[in-house]
Structures are given as C-alpha cells and as structure tokens.
Amino acid sequence: MSVVIVGGNECMVRRYKDICKEYKCKAKVFPKTSRSLKQIGSPDLLILFTNTVSHKMVCSAIDSTKGKEIKIERCHSSSGAALKSILENHGAVGNADA
C-alpha cells in the first residue's frame, strides 16, 4: 500500500516512514508547505494531520487528488500511535517483530 502523509512534525518524518515500513507501506511525507505537494501521485491512502498543517495545504492536497480513487483520512493528532491506528484501520498488516 502506498501512503502520503501531509502535515505532522518535521522531526518525526523518519519515524513516520519507519512506521509505514513496519506496516509494509511505502510512504511520502510532506510536513510543511512546499511546491512538491503536486508530486503526491496516486497513493492508496492520504493521511492529513490537521493539527500541524495549514488549511491552505489541506485544500491543496485534496485538490491534487480530485478525480482519483484515493482514501483520505484526517487525524487531529500527529503521533506515531495515531499513524499506527490509521494504518491498522485501513488494512495494513504490521510486523509482529517490531
């Protein structure tokens, strides 16, 4: 499964990618506003950490998914536990050793 995370904390980018890897997901993380947000592509799941992202960035991310069948999950918390919960709810299988 491919995942795009918009928002979150910059210091957690590596942790977000590691968590996604534990759940056998490929991840792109965009913690702050940038022009590269147009490179979202066609992920299976778009996660928006709404507490740490501007409204403009949320709108931009959603606009870039128009016309594509992408699941969108909004979460107020940007913690690692919140990310794990989202991945589990969307059917990602975690690594038992992790």
N, C-alpha and C. Protein backbone atom coordinates (compact mmCIF):
# COMPACT_ATOMS: atom_id res chain seq x y z
N MET A 1 0.85 -1.17 0.00
CA MET A 1 0.00 0.00 0.00
C MET A 1 0.90 1.23 0.00
N SER A 2 0.51 2.23 -0.77
CA SER A 2 1.27 3.48 -0.77
C SER A 2 0.50 4.53 0.04
N VAL A 3 1.25 5.30 0.81
CA VAL A 3 0.67 6.27 1.73
C VAL A 3 1.36 7.61 1.54
N VAL A 4 0.56 8.68 1.57
CA VAL A 4 1.10 10.03 1.58
C VAL A 4 0.63 10.69 2.86
N ILE A 5 1.56 11.25 3.62
CA ILE A 5 1.25 11.94 4.86
C ILE A 5 1.50 13.42 4.67
N VAL A 6 0.46 14.22 4.93
CA VAL A 6 0.57 15.67 4.82
C VAL A 6 0.43 16.25 6.22
N GLY A 7 1.41 17.04 6.62
CA GLY A 7 1.41 17.61 7.97
C GLY A 7 2.30 16.79 8.88
N GLY A 8 2.09 16.93 10.17
CA GLY A 8 2.93 16.24 11.13
C GLY A 8 4.11 17.10 11.52
N ASN A 9 4.96 16.52 12.33
CA ASN A 9 6.14 17.24 12.82
C ASN A 9 7.35 16.89 11.97
N GLU A 10 8.14 17.89 11.64
CA GLU A 10 9.33 17.66 10.82
C GLU A 10 10.30 16.68 11.48
N CYS A 11 10.40 16.74 12.79
CA CYS A 11 11.33 15.85 13.49
C CYS A 11 10.83 14.39 13.50
N MET A 12 9.58 14.17 13.11
CA MET A 12 9.01 12.82 13.10
C MET A 12 8.99 12.18 11.71
N VAL A 13 9.50 12.85 10.70
CA VAL A 13 9.43 12.34 9.33
C VAL A 13 10.04 10.95 9.23
N ARG A 14 11.24 10.77 9.79
CA ARG A 14 11.90 9.47 9.74
C ARG A 14 11.06 8.41 10.47
N ARG A 15 10.47 8.78 11.60
CA ARG A 15 9.64 7.84 12.38
C ARG A 15 8.38 7.45 11.60
N TYR A 16 7.74 8.42 10.93
CA TYR A 16 6.56 8.12 10.12
C TYR A 16 6.91 7.11 9.03
N LYS A 17 8.05 7.32 8.38
CA LYS A 17 8.47 6.39 7.32
C LYS A 17 8.77 5.00 7.88
N ASP A 18 9.40 4.95 9.06
CA ASP A 18 9.70 3.67 9.69
C ASP A 18 8.42 2.92 10.08
N ILE A 19 7.45 3.64 10.61
CA ILE A 19 6.18 3.02 10.98
C ILE A 19 5.49 2.46 9.74
N CYS A 20 5.48 3.24 8.67
CA CYS A 20 4.86 2.76 7.44
C CYS A 20 5.59 1.53 6.90
N LYS A 21 6.91 1.52 7.04
CA LYS A 21 7.69 0.36 6.59
C LYS A 21 7.33 -0.87 7.42
N GLU A 22 7.10 -0.69 8.73
CA GLU A 22 6.68 -1.81 9.59
C GLU A 22 5.36 -2.40 9.11
N TYR A 23 4.51 -1.56 8.54
CA TYR A 23 3.20 -2.00 8.05
C TYR A 23 3.23 -2.31 6.56
N LYS A 24 4.42 -2.47 6.03
CA LYS A 24 4.63 -2.82 4.62
C LYS A 24 3.99 -1.82 3.67
N CYS A 25 4.16 -0.55 3.98
CA CYS A 25 3.63 0.53 3.16
C CYS A 25 4.78 1.42 2.69
N LYS A 26 4.65 1.95 1.49
CA LYS A 26 5.60 2.95 1.01
C LYS A 26 5.03 4.30 1.38
N ALA A 27 5.87 5.21 1.86
CA ALA A 27 5.36 6.49 2.34
C ALA A 27 6.11 7.68 1.76
N LYS A 28 5.35 8.72 1.47
CA LYS A 28 5.89 10.05 1.17
C LYS A 28 5.35 10.94 2.28
N VAL A 29 6.21 11.79 2.82
CA VAL A 29 5.80 12.67 3.91
C VAL A 29 6.08 14.12 3.52
N PHE A 30 5.05 14.96 3.68
CA PHE A 30 5.14 16.38 3.41
C PHE A 30 4.78 17.13 4.69
N PRO A 31 5.76 17.41 5.58
CA PRO A 31 5.44 18.03 6.87
C PRO A 31 5.15 19.52 6.80
N LYS A 32 5.55 20.19 5.73
CA LYS A 32 5.28 21.62 5.63
C LYS A 32 4.97 21.99 4.19
N THR A 33 4.47 23.19 4.01
CA THR A 33 4.07 23.66 2.69
C THR A 33 5.27 23.68 1.75
N SER A 34 5.04 23.10 0.59
CA SER A 34 6.09 23.11 -0.43
C SER A 34 5.46 22.90 -1.80
N ARG A 35 6.17 23.25 -2.82
CA ARG A 35 5.66 23.05 -4.18
C ARG A 35 5.66 21.58 -4.55
N SER A 36 6.42 20.77 -3.85
CA SER A 36 6.49 19.35 -4.17
C SER A 36 5.21 18.62 -3.81
N LEU A 37 4.26 19.31 -3.20
CA LEU A 37 2.98 18.71 -2.86
C LEU A 37 2.24 18.25 -4.12
N LYS A 38 2.60 18.81 -5.26
CA LYS A 38 2.00 18.38 -6.52
C LYS A 38 2.50 17.01 -6.93
N GLN A 39 3.51 16.50 -6.24
CA GLN A 39 4.07 15.18 -6.54
C GLN A 39 3.42 14.08 -5.72
N ILE A 40 2.21 14.31 -5.25
CA ILE A 40 1.52 13.30 -4.43
C ILE A 40 1.34 12.01 -5.22
N GLY A 41 0.98 12.13 -6.48
CA GLY A 41 0.78 10.95 -7.29
C GLY A 41 -0.58 10.33 -7.02
N SER A 42 -0.63 9.00 -7.01
CA SER A 42 -1.88 8.27 -6.77
C SER A 42 -1.70 7.25 -5.65
N PRO A 43 -1.60 7.71 -4.41
CA PRO A 43 -1.43 6.77 -3.31
C PRO A 43 -2.74 6.05 -3.00
N ASP A 44 -2.65 4.97 -2.25
CA ASP A 44 -3.85 4.26 -1.81
C ASP A 44 -4.52 5.02 -0.67
N LEU A 45 -3.72 5.74 0.12
CA LEU A 45 -4.24 6.43 1.31
C LEU A 45 -3.53 7.77 1.49
N LEU A 46 -4.32 8.82 1.70
CA LEU A 46 -3.79 10.15 2.00
C LEU A 46 -4.14 10.45 3.45
N ILE A 47 -3.12 10.69 4.27
CA ILE A 47 -3.33 10.99 5.69
C ILE A 47 -3.04 12.47 5.91
N LEU A 48 -4.00 13.18 6.49
CA LEU A 48 -3.85 14.59 6.79
C LEU A 48 -3.80 14.77 8.29
N PHE A 49 -2.66 15.21 8.82
CA PHE A 49 -2.54 15.53 10.24
C PHE A 49 -2.97 16.99 10.39
N THR A 50 -4.24 17.20 10.71
CA THR A 50 -4.84 18.52 10.63
C THR A 50 -4.37 19.51 11.67
N ASN A 51 -3.83 19.06 12.80
CA ASN A 51 -3.39 19.98 13.84
C ASN A 51 -2.10 20.71 13.46
N THR A 52 -1.30 20.10 12.62
CA THR A 52 0.02 20.67 12.32
C THR A 52 0.16 21.12 10.86
N VAL A 53 -0.96 21.36 10.21
CA VAL A 53 -0.91 21.76 8.80
C VAL A 53 -1.90 22.89 8.56
N SER A 54 -1.56 23.78 7.65
CA SER A 54 -2.44 24.91 7.36
C SER A 54 -3.64 24.45 6.53
N HIS A 55 -4.70 25.23 6.62
CA HIS A 55 -5.91 24.94 5.85
C HIS A 55 -5.61 24.97 4.36
N LYS A 56 -4.77 25.90 3.95
CA LYS A 56 -4.38 26.03 2.54
C LYS A 56 -3.70 24.75 2.05
N MET A 57 -2.84 24.18 2.88
CA MET A 57 -2.13 22.97 2.48
C MET A 57 -3.09 21.78 2.40
N VAL A 58 -4.06 21.70 3.31
CA VAL A 58 -5.07 20.64 3.26
C VAL A 58 -5.85 20.75 1.95
N CYS A 59 -6.29 21.95 1.63
CA CYS A 59 -7.05 22.16 0.38
C CYS A 59 -6.21 21.79 -0.84
N SER A 60 -4.95 22.15 -0.83
CA SER A 60 -4.06 21.83 -1.94
C SER A 60 -3.89 20.32 -2.10
N ALA A 61 -3.73 19.62 -0.99
CA ALA A 61 -3.57 18.17 -1.04
C ALA A 61 -4.84 17.50 -1.56
N ILE A 62 -5.98 17.97 -1.09
CA ILE A 62 -7.25 17.38 -1.53
C ILE A 62 -7.51 17.69 -3.00
N ASP A 63 -7.18 18.90 -3.43
CA ASP A 63 -7.35 19.27 -4.84
C ASP A 63 -6.50 18.39 -5.75
N SER A 64 -5.32 18.01 -5.30
CA SER A 64 -4.44 17.19 -6.14
C SER A 64 -4.92 15.74 -6.25
N THR A 65 -5.93 15.37 -5.45
CA THR A 65 -6.47 14.01 -5.52
C THR A 65 -7.80 13.95 -6.25
N LYS A 66 -8.28 15.08 -6.73
CA LYS A 66 -9.57 15.12 -7.44
C LYS A 66 -9.54 14.19 -8.65
N GLY A 67 -10.61 13.42 -8.81
CA GLY A 67 -10.72 12.52 -9.95
C GLY A 67 -10.00 11.20 -9.77
N LYS A 68 -9.39 11.00 -8.62
CA LYS A 68 -8.68 9.74 -8.34
C LYS A 68 -9.36 9.04 -7.17
N GLU A 69 -9.31 7.73 -7.18
CA GLU A 69 -9.90 6.97 -6.08
C GLU A 69 -8.87 6.80 -4.98
N ILE A 70 -8.78 7.80 -4.13
CA ILE A 70 -7.82 7.80 -3.03
C ILE A 70 -8.58 7.95 -1.73
N LYS A 71 -8.32 7.06 -0.79
CA LYS A 71 -8.93 7.19 0.54
C LYS A 71 -8.24 8.33 1.28
N ILE A 72 -9.04 9.17 1.93
CA ILE A 72 -8.49 10.29 2.68
C ILE A 72 -8.85 10.13 4.14
N GLU A 73 -7.85 10.20 5.00
CA GLU A 73 -8.05 10.07 6.45
C GLU A 73 -7.53 11.34 7.10
N ARG A 74 -8.38 11.98 7.89
CA ARG A 74 -7.98 13.17 8.63
C ARG A 74 -7.82 12.80 10.09
N CYS A 75 -6.75 13.29 10.70
CA CYS A 75 -6.48 12.99 12.10
C CYS A 75 -5.93 14.25 12.77
N HIS A 76 -6.47 14.58 13.92
CA HIS A 76 -6.04 15.78 14.63
C HIS A 76 -4.65 15.57 15.24
N SER A 77 -4.40 14.38 15.74
CA SER A 77 -3.12 14.07 16.36
C SER A 77 -2.11 13.64 15.30
N SER A 78 -0.85 14.01 15.48
CA SER A 78 0.19 13.61 14.53
C SER A 78 1.21 12.68 15.19
N SER A 79 0.74 11.89 16.14
CA SER A 79 1.63 10.99 16.87
C SER A 79 1.86 9.70 16.09
N GLY A 80 2.87 8.97 16.51
CA GLY A 80 3.16 7.67 15.91
C GLY A 80 2.03 6.68 16.18
N ALA A 81 1.45 6.74 17.37
CA ALA A 81 0.34 5.84 17.72
C ALA A 81 -0.88 6.12 16.84
N ALA A 82 -1.13 7.38 16.54
CA ALA A 82 -2.25 7.74 15.66
C ALA A 82 -2.02 7.18 14.26
N LEU A 83 -0.79 7.27 13.77
CA LEU A 83 -0.46 6.74 12.45
C LEU A 83 -0.65 5.23 12.42
N LYS A 84 -0.18 4.54 13.46
CA LYS A 84 -0.36 3.08 13.53
C LYS A 84 -1.84 2.71 13.50
N SER A 85 -2.64 3.43 14.25
CA SER A 85 -4.07 3.18 14.30
C SER A 85 -4.72 3.36 12.93
N ILE A 86 -4.34 4.42 12.24
CA ILE A 86 -4.89 4.69 10.90
C ILE A 86 -4.51 3.56 9.95
N LEU A 87 -3.25 3.15 9.97
CA LEU A 87 -2.81 2.08 9.08
C LEU A 87 -3.53 0.78 9.36
N GLU A 88 -3.73 0.46 10.64
CA GLU A 88 -4.45 -0.75 11.01
C GLU A 88 -5.90 -0.69 10.56
N ASN A 89 -6.53 0.47 10.70
CA ASN A 89 -7.93 0.64 10.29
C ASN A 89 -8.11 0.51 8.78
N HIS A 90 -7.05 0.77 8.03
CA HIS A 90 -7.14 0.68 6.56
C HIS A 90 -6.55 -0.62 6.04
N GLY A 91 -6.35 -1.59 6.91
CA GLY A 91 -5.99 -2.92 6.48
C GLY A 91 -4.53 -3.22 6.32
N ALA A 92 -3.66 -2.33 6.74
CA ALA A 92 -2.22 -2.61 6.66
C ALA A 92 -1.86 -3.60 7.76
N VAL A 93 -1.01 -4.53 7.45
CA VAL A 93 -0.61 -5.55 8.41
C VAL A 93 0.76 -5.23 8.96
N GLY A 94 0.85 -5.10 10.29
CA GLY A 94 2.12 -4.76 10.92
C GLY A 94 3.03 -5.94 11.07
N ASN A 95 4.29 -5.65 11.33
CA ASN A 95 5.31 -6.66 11.56
C ASN A 95 5.26 -7.09 13.02
N ALA A 96 5.10 -8.36 13.29
CA ALA A 96 4.97 -8.88 14.65
C ALA A 96 6.26 -8.68 15.46
N ASP A 97 7.41 -8.59 14.78
CA ASP A 97 8.68 -8.44 15.48
C ASP A 97 8.95 -7.00 15.91
N ALA A 98 8.27 -6.06 15.32
CA ALA A 98 8.56 -4.64 15.60
C ALA A 98 7.97 -4.17 16.89
